[in-house]
Amino acid sequence: MKFGLLQIFQNFRSQVSDERLWQEELELALLAEELGFDSVWAVEHHFNDYSACPDNLQYLSYLAGRTERIQLATGAVIVPWNDPLRVAEKISVLDQLSGGRAHLGLGRGLARREYKNFGIDMDTSRERFDEAAAMILDALDSGFIEGDGPYYPQARTEIRPRPSRGFRDRLTCIAMSPDSVDAAARLGGAMAVFSQTPWEIMAEELDRWRAMYREQHDSEPPPPVTADIVVCHADQARAAELAESHVVGYLATVLEHYELMGEHFKRARGYEMYATAGEMMREIGLEAVRQQYLDVQAWGDPAQVIDRLRARHELIGDFDLNMCFRHAGIPLEDAVNGMKLFAEKVIPEFR
């Protein structure tokens, strides 16, 4: 199992300045390398304090100069919000600066407010993703990008600096809906999910992705990636207190930012699954939603975290784990101490 630090750059209720938030996130990334984490993953989000990292490739390129070993991953580039030519150029630059440590994560995006402010019709997201993702990966294989699709017509153009090698073997695709699972398998990417669905249910989608991957590529798929909102504390009672406040607190920001309990997904083409999920949440109520969310995350004292991860492995098989320790205003001290304790007590159990 590989372990990554997931950075979401959440300035919860704007409690600190953005300058301070970014400096503290940078310190966490440098600590991750010191502690032996395998990778750092940076999200892409725009316009508000839910998550303020508008250019993860720029951040990771800076981080490349501050680190020596750790893998640098986009978690993810939201493809419909970006020009595929620029994505191919930027990831090639990151790979050059980091000595081949770049990892490409791609996603489609879910927030109506972000699509609106970019002036992009959310109903076109599936087609935009499929068209641009194929262009990006082909460009990183060949060194040239071209396309004749309706959204990104592109004359054959050379990528400079030239990609030193392709990204087919270091590709992750966020796949939280059935058609995104299909896209991940088709592109040959590791399927990545944010932990929010009971693992018994998620196991079925992971099995479907694995079967499609084998059919499409005639090879075994890489381990999927699960992304958790993590609390790790030596004291069980304090761990539970932090989880109730900050893991559940993060869920509240997710529900608000993505409007997950709203009605608009019924009219958003390609997001039908979210309409169904919203109806389910309204039916069972917020308290049940909160408990379900807590139940699928890796939190507790080290022994509890180990037990949770082993139980997950029993249900879904081998997987890699990305962990967000800084979320919903959790004190920086608790995030740092949680990272250190996790590295000391949990990671060795799985390596």
Protein backbone atom coordinates (compact mmCIF):
# COMPACT_ATOMS: atom_id res chain seq x y z
CA MET A 1 0.00 0.00 0.00
CA LYS A 2 1.21 3.50 -0.86
CA PHE A 3 0.37 6.50 1.29
CA GLY A 4 -0.20 10.02 0.01
CA LEU A 5 -0.87 13.36 1.65
CA LEU A 6 -3.99 14.94 0.16
CA GLN A 7 -4.01 18.75 0.38
CA ILE A 8 -7.34 20.49 -0.08
CA PHE A 9 -6.31 24.05 0.94
CA GLN A 10 -9.51 24.63 2.89
CA ASN A 11 -9.63 27.96 4.67
CA PHE A 12 -12.52 26.96 6.91
CA ARG A 13 -14.77 29.98 7.48
CA SER A 14 -11.75 32.12 6.49
CA GLN A 15 -10.30 31.64 9.97
CA VAL A 16 -6.79 32.61 8.83
CA SER A 17 -5.34 34.62 5.97
CA ASP A 18 -4.80 32.82 2.69
CA GLU A 19 -1.09 33.61 3.01
CA ARG A 20 -0.92 31.76 6.32
CA LEU A 21 -2.99 28.86 5.01
CA TRP A 22 -0.69 28.34 2.03
CA GLN A 23 2.45 28.56 4.14
CA GLU A 24 1.08 25.96 6.54
CA GLU A 25 0.03 23.66 3.70
CA LEU A 26 3.56 23.92 2.28
CA GLU A 27 4.98 22.95 5.68
CA LEU A 28 2.72 19.88 5.74
CA ALA A 29 3.92 18.84 2.27
CA LEU A 30 7.57 19.12 3.33
CA LEU A 31 6.78 17.17 6.49
CA ALA A 32 5.20 14.43 4.38
CA GLU A 33 8.50 13.83 2.60
CA GLU A 34 10.39 13.86 5.90
CA LEU A 35 7.99 11.28 7.37
CA GLY A 36 8.29 8.89 4.44
CA PHE A 37 4.95 9.45 2.70
CA ASP A 38 4.98 8.28 -0.90
CA SER A 39 3.24 11.23 -2.52
CA VAL A 40 1.62 14.65 -2.18
CA TRP A 41 -1.69 15.25 -3.96
CA ALA A 42 -3.03 18.77 -4.56
CA VAL A 43 -6.62 19.47 -5.56
CA GLU A 44 -7.95 22.07 -8.02
CA HIS A 45 -10.74 24.33 -6.80
CA HIS A 46 -11.64 27.95 -7.36
CA PHE A 47 -13.30 31.06 -6.00
CA ASN A 48 -14.06 30.36 -2.30
CA ASP A 49 -12.75 29.06 1.01
CA TYR A 50 -14.05 25.52 0.49
CA SER A 51 -10.76 24.90 -1.29
CA ALA A 52 -8.45 27.58 -2.63
CA CYS A 53 -5.92 25.93 -4.93
CA PRO A 54 -6.66 27.24 -8.43
CA ASP A 55 -3.47 25.85 -10.04
CA ASN A 56 -2.17 22.63 -8.52
CA LEU A 57 0.47 22.21 -11.24
CA GLN A 58 1.98 25.57 -10.33
CA TYR A 59 2.05 24.59 -6.66
CA LEU A 60 3.57 21.19 -7.36
CA SER A 61 6.21 22.73 -9.62
CA TYR A 62 7.31 24.90 -6.70
CA LEU A 63 7.22 21.87 -4.43
CA ALA A 64 9.46 20.01 -6.89
CA GLY A 65 12.27 22.42 -5.98
CA ARG A 66 11.71 21.98 -2.24
CA THR A 67 11.68 18.17 -2.21
CA GLU A 68 13.87 15.34 -3.44
CA ARG A 69 11.98 12.05 -3.33
CA ILE A 70 8.25 12.34 -2.90
CA GLN A 71 5.88 11.87 -5.86
CA LEU A 72 3.95 14.99 -6.91
CA ALA A 73 0.38 14.35 -8.02
CA THR A 74 -2.58 16.39 -9.20
CA GLY A 75 -5.67 15.35 -7.32
CA ALA A 76 -6.94 16.33 -9.80
CA VAL A 77 -6.69 18.61 -12.82
CA ILE A 78 -10.36 19.34 -13.56
CA VAL A 79 -10.20 18.76 -17.27
CA PRO A 80 -13.23 20.77 -18.52
CA TRP A 81 -11.90 23.90 -16.81
CA ASN A 82 -8.52 23.76 -18.55
CA ASP A 83 -7.13 23.95 -22.06
CA PRO A 84 -5.67 20.51 -22.91
CA LEU A 85 -2.63 22.04 -24.62
CA ARG A 86 -1.74 23.96 -21.45
CA VAL A 87 -2.28 20.89 -19.26
CA ALA A 88 0.11 18.85 -21.41
CA GLU A 89 2.71 21.62 -21.28
CA LYS A 90 2.42 22.16 -17.53
CA ILE A 91 2.61 18.49 -16.56
CA SER A 92 5.65 18.13 -18.83
CA VAL A 93 7.31 21.06 -17.06
CA LEU A 94 6.51 19.51 -13.67
CA ASP A 95 8.00 16.20 -14.76
CA GLN A 96 11.19 17.89 -15.91
CA LEU A 97 11.57 19.97 -12.74
CA SER A 98 10.91 16.99 -10.46
CA GLY A 99 13.14 14.50 -12.22
CA GLY A 100 10.24 12.30 -13.31
CA ARG A 101 8.26 12.45 -10.04
CA ALA A 102 5.04 13.82 -11.59
CA HIS A 103 1.78 11.87 -11.42
CA LEU A 104 -1.27 12.98 -13.39
CA GLY A 105 -4.70 12.86 -11.80
CA LEU A 106 -7.70 13.89 -13.90
CA GLY A 107 -11.25 14.74 -12.87
CA ARG A 108 -14.50 16.12 -14.29
CA GLY A 109 -15.70 18.49 -11.58
CA LEU A 110 -18.99 18.61 -9.74
CA ALA A 111 -19.59 22.11 -8.38
CA ARG A 112 -22.22 24.12 -10.25
CA ARG A 113 -20.82 27.39 -8.88
CA GLU A 114 -17.36 26.72 -10.33
CA TYR A 115 -18.73 25.80 -13.75
CA LYS A 116 -20.87 28.96 -13.69
CA ASN A 117 -17.98 31.28 -12.93
CA PHE A 118 -15.92 29.74 -15.73
CA GLY A 119 -18.85 30.29 -18.08
CA ILE A 120 -18.92 26.59 -19.01
CA ASP A 121 -22.15 24.66 -19.47
CA MET A 122 -22.03 21.85 -16.90
CA ASP A 123 -24.12 19.67 -19.22
CA THR A 124 -21.08 19.46 -21.53
CA SER A 125 -18.68 18.22 -18.85
CA ARG A 126 -18.68 14.55 -19.89
CA GLU A 127 -17.98 15.31 -23.54
CA ARG A 128 -15.35 17.90 -22.64
CA PHE A 129 -13.57 15.51 -20.31
CA ASP A 130 -13.55 12.63 -22.79
CA GLU A 131 -12.30 14.77 -25.64
CA ALA A 132 -9.60 16.65 -23.73
CA ALA A 133 -8.32 13.75 -21.57
CA ALA A 134 -7.57 11.65 -24.66
CA MET A 135 -5.76 14.60 -26.27
CA ILE A 136 -3.62 15.17 -23.16
CA LEU A 137 -2.56 11.55 -22.80
CA ASP A 138 -1.83 11.14 -26.51
CA ALA A 139 0.25 14.31 -26.41
CA LEU A 140 2.30 13.07 -23.46
CA ASP A 141 2.92 9.81 -25.34
CA SER A 142 3.88 11.35 -28.67
CA GLY A 143 5.13 14.85 -27.85
CA PHE A 144 2.47 16.40 -30.11
CA ILE A 145 -1.10 17.47 -29.37
CA GLU A 146 -3.88 17.65 -31.90
CA GLY A 147 -7.64 17.33 -31.97
CA ASP A 148 -10.63 17.74 -34.24
CA GLY A 149 -13.38 17.62 -31.63
CA PRO A 150 -16.09 20.24 -31.11
CA TYR A 151 -14.71 21.68 -27.87
CA TYR A 152 -10.93 21.67 -28.34
CA PRO A 153 -10.03 21.87 -32.04
CA GLN A 154 -6.25 21.88 -32.13
CA ALA A 155 -3.80 21.87 -35.00
CA ARG A 156 -0.90 19.46 -34.54
CA THR A 157 1.43 21.25 -32.12
CA GLU A 158 4.65 20.15 -30.45
CA ILE A 159 4.85 20.02 -26.65
CA ARG A 160 7.98 21.68 -25.31
CA PRO A 161 9.71 20.78 -23.11
CA ARG A 162 9.23 17.38 -24.69
CA PRO A 163 7.65 14.83 -22.35
CA SER A 164 10.41 12.46 -21.24
CA ARG A 165 7.93 9.60 -21.09
CA GLY A 166 4.18 9.12 -21.14
CA PHE A 167 1.80 9.05 -18.19
CA ARG A 168 -0.22 5.92 -18.91
CA ASP A 169 1.47 4.14 -16.00
CA ARG A 170 1.09 7.11 -13.63
CA LEU A 171 -2.46 8.15 -14.28
CA THR A 172 -5.33 8.39 -11.82
CA CYS A 173 -8.93 9.29 -12.67
CA ILE A 174 -11.45 10.52 -10.13
CA ALA A 175 -14.42 8.20 -10.59
CA MET A 176 -17.37 8.95 -8.36
CA SER A 177 -20.10 8.27 -10.94
CA PRO A 178 -20.71 5.26 -13.21
CA ASP A 179 -19.69 7.02 -16.41
CA SER A 180 -16.50 8.29 -14.75
CA VAL A 181 -15.73 4.68 -13.79
CA ASP A 182 -16.09 3.81 -17.46
CA ALA A 183 -13.78 6.67 -18.46
CA ALA A 184 -11.12 5.62 -15.94
CA ALA A 185 -11.10 2.09 -17.34
CA ARG A 186 -11.04 3.30 -20.93
CA LEU A 187 -8.13 5.69 -20.33
CA GLY A 188 -6.18 3.09 -18.33
CA GLY A 189 -6.12 5.11 -15.13
CA ALA A 190 -6.21 3.96 -11.53
CA MET A 191 -9.72 4.57 -10.22
CA ALA A 192 -9.76 7.11 -7.38
CA VAL A 193 -12.67 7.69 -5.01
CA PHE A 194 -13.29 9.98 -2.08
CA SER A 195 -14.38 7.86 0.85
CA GLN A 196 -18.08 8.51 1.34
CA THR A 197 -19.94 5.37 0.23
CA PRO A 198 -20.16 2.16 2.32
CA TRP A 199 -17.31 -0.06 1.19
CA GLU A 200 -19.64 -2.99 0.52
CA ILE A 201 -21.29 -0.87 -2.17
CA MET A 202 -18.09 0.68 -3.48
CA ALA A 203 -16.59 -2.80 -3.90
CA GLU A 204 -19.11 -3.45 -6.69
CA GLU A 205 -18.02 -0.38 -8.66
CA LEU A 206 -14.36 -1.23 -8.14
CA ASP A 207 -14.97 -4.74 -9.44
CA ARG A 208 -16.73 -3.29 -12.48
CA TRP A 209 -13.79 -0.96 -13.15
CA ARG A 210 -11.30 -3.82 -12.82
CA ALA A 211 -13.26 -5.98 -15.27
CA MET A 212 -13.51 -3.14 -17.80
CA TYR A 213 -9.83 -2.34 -17.39
CA ARG A 214 -8.82 -5.94 -18.12
CA GLU A 215 -11.10 -6.02 -21.14
CA GLN A 216 -9.80 -2.72 -22.51
CA HIS A 217 -6.08 -3.22 -21.86
CA ASP A 218 -5.54 -6.97 -21.53
CA SER A 219 -3.58 -6.43 -18.32
CA GLU A 220 -4.15 -6.21 -14.59
CA PRO A 221 -5.32 -2.82 -13.27
CA PRO A 222 -3.27 -0.87 -10.74
CA PRO A 223 -4.56 -0.56 -7.17
CA PRO A 224 -7.42 1.91 -6.80
CA VAL A 225 -6.92 4.99 -4.65
CA THR A 226 -9.17 5.95 -1.75
CA ALA A 227 -9.06 9.47 -0.30
CA ASP A 228 -9.93 9.87 3.39
CA ILE A 229 -10.52 12.73 5.79
CA VAL A 230 -8.24 11.50 8.55
CA VAL A 231 -7.91 12.03 12.28
CA CYS A 232 -5.20 10.11 14.12
CA HIS A 233 -4.65 10.71 17.83
CA ALA A 234 -3.10 8.60 20.59
CA ASP A 235 -6.15 9.10 22.80
CA GLN A 236 -9.35 7.44 21.54
CA ALA A 237 -11.63 9.97 23.22
CA ARG A 238 -9.77 12.92 21.73
CA ALA A 239 -9.75 11.23 18.31
CA ALA A 240 -13.52 10.80 18.51
CA GLU A 241 -13.95 14.42 19.56
CA LEU A 242 -11.85 15.65 16.64
CA ALA A 243 -13.66 13.39 14.19
CA GLU A 244 -17.09 14.52 15.34
CA SER A 245 -16.06 18.14 14.98
CA HIS A 246 -13.77 18.22 11.96
CA VAL A 247 -14.51 15.13 9.84
CA VAL A 248 -18.23 15.80 10.11
CA GLY A 249 -17.45 19.49 9.76
CA TYR A 250 -15.73 18.80 6.46
CA LEU A 251 -18.76 16.83 5.28
CA ALA A 252 -20.89 19.92 5.93
CA THR A 253 -18.65 21.96 3.62
CA VAL A 254 -18.90 19.25 0.93
CA LEU A 255 -22.70 19.25 1.11
CA GLU A 256 -22.76 23.04 0.87
CA HIS A 257 -20.14 23.50 -1.88
CA TYR A 258 -21.52 20.83 -4.18
CA GLU A 259 -25.18 21.41 -3.22
CA LEU A 260 -25.46 17.64 -2.90
CA MET A 261 -28.91 17.69 -1.38
CA GLY A 262 -30.26 20.10 -3.99
CA GLU A 263 -32.59 19.36 -6.88
CA HIS A 264 -30.42 20.70 -9.72
CA PHE A 265 -28.67 17.38 -10.43
CA LYS A 266 -31.97 16.09 -11.82
CA ARG A 267 -31.47 18.55 -14.68
CA ALA A 268 -27.66 18.22 -15.03
CA ARG A 269 -26.76 15.87 -17.86
CA GLY A 270 -24.20 13.27 -16.84
CA TYR A 271 -24.80 13.70 -13.10
CA GLU A 272 -27.87 11.51 -12.68
CA MET A 273 -26.22 9.45 -9.96
CA TYR A 274 -25.93 12.55 -7.77
CA ALA A 275 -29.65 13.22 -8.12
CA THR A 276 -30.32 9.72 -6.82
CA ALA A 277 -27.81 10.18 -3.99
CA GLY A 278 -29.42 13.48 -3.03
CA GLU A 279 -32.83 11.84 -2.79
CA MET A 280 -31.37 9.10 -0.61
CA MET A 281 -29.77 11.65 1.74
CA ARG A 282 -33.00 13.58 2.07
CA GLU A 283 -34.84 10.37 2.89
CA ILE A 284 -32.47 9.06 5.58
CA GLY A 285 -31.75 12.46 7.09
CA LEU A 286 -28.61 14.40 7.89
CA GLU A 287 -27.76 12.50 11.06
CA ALA A 288 -27.63 9.18 9.20
CA VAL A 289 -25.57 10.81 6.43
CA ARG A 290 -23.07 12.09 8.98
CA GLN A 291 -22.76 8.69 10.64
CA GLN A 292 -22.29 6.92 7.32
CA TYR A 293 -19.56 9.39 6.39
CA LEU A 294 -17.75 8.83 9.69
CA ASP A 295 -18.02 5.07 9.30
CA VAL A 296 -16.08 4.99 6.02
CA GLN A 297 -13.19 7.28 7.00
CA ALA A 298 -9.88 6.24 8.57
CA TRP A 299 -9.92 7.89 12.01
CA GLY A 300 -9.22 7.01 15.63
CA ASP A 301 -6.15 6.01 17.56
CA PRO A 302 -3.54 4.06 15.55
CA ALA A 303 -5.05 0.68 16.43
CA GLN A 304 -8.52 1.81 15.34
CA VAL A 305 -7.16 3.23 12.08
CA ILE A 306 -5.31 0.00 11.35
CA ASP A 307 -8.47 -2.02 12.01
CA ARG A 308 -10.53 0.22 9.73
CA LEU A 309 -8.03 -0.09 6.88
CA ARG A 310 -7.77 -3.85 7.26
CA ALA A 311 -11.56 -4.16 7.20
CA ARG A 312 -11.62 -2.05 4.02
CA HIS A 313 -9.00 -4.30 2.45
CA GLU A 314 -11.15 -7.32 3.17
CA LEU A 315 -13.97 -5.73 1.19
CA ILE A 316 -12.21 -4.07 -1.76
CA GLY A 317 -8.80 -5.76 -2.00
CA ASP A 318 -5.52 -3.92 -2.47
CA PHE A 319 -5.70 -0.13 -2.54
CA ASP A 320 -3.55 2.96 -2.04
CA LEU A 321 -4.55 5.60 0.49
CA ASN A 322 -4.52 9.39 0.24
CA MET A 323 -5.09 11.20 3.51
CA CYS A 324 -6.20 14.74 4.29
CA PHE A 325 -5.14 15.68 7.82
CA ARG A 326 -6.00 19.40 7.51
CA HIS A 327 -9.74 20.00 7.14
CA ALA A 328 -12.64 22.02 8.55
CA GLY A 329 -10.50 24.17 10.82
CA ILE A 330 -8.76 21.35 12.67
CA PRO A 331 -5.91 22.87 14.71
CA LEU A 332 -2.63 22.73 12.83
CA GLU A 333 -1.00 21.05 15.82
CA ASP A 334 -3.48 18.18 15.65
CA ALA A 335 -2.93 17.80 11.90
CA VAL A 336 0.87 17.70 12.33
CA ASN A 337 0.74 15.33 15.27
CA GLY A 338 -1.73 13.13 13.42
CA MET A 339 0.61 12.88 10.44
CA LYS A 340 3.55 11.98 12.68
CA LEU A 341 1.60 9.37 14.62
CA PHE A 342 0.20 7.84 11.43
CA ALA A 343 3.69 7.61 9.92
CA GLU A 344 5.11 6.04 13.08
CA LYS A 345 2.35 3.57 13.97
CA VAL A 346 0.11 2.92 10.95
CA ILE A 347 2.24 2.97 7.81
CA PRO A 348 4.70 0.28 9.01
CA GLU A 349 1.78 -2.13 9.53
CA PHE A 350 1.00 -2.04 5.81
CA ARG A 351 4.50 -1.95 4.36
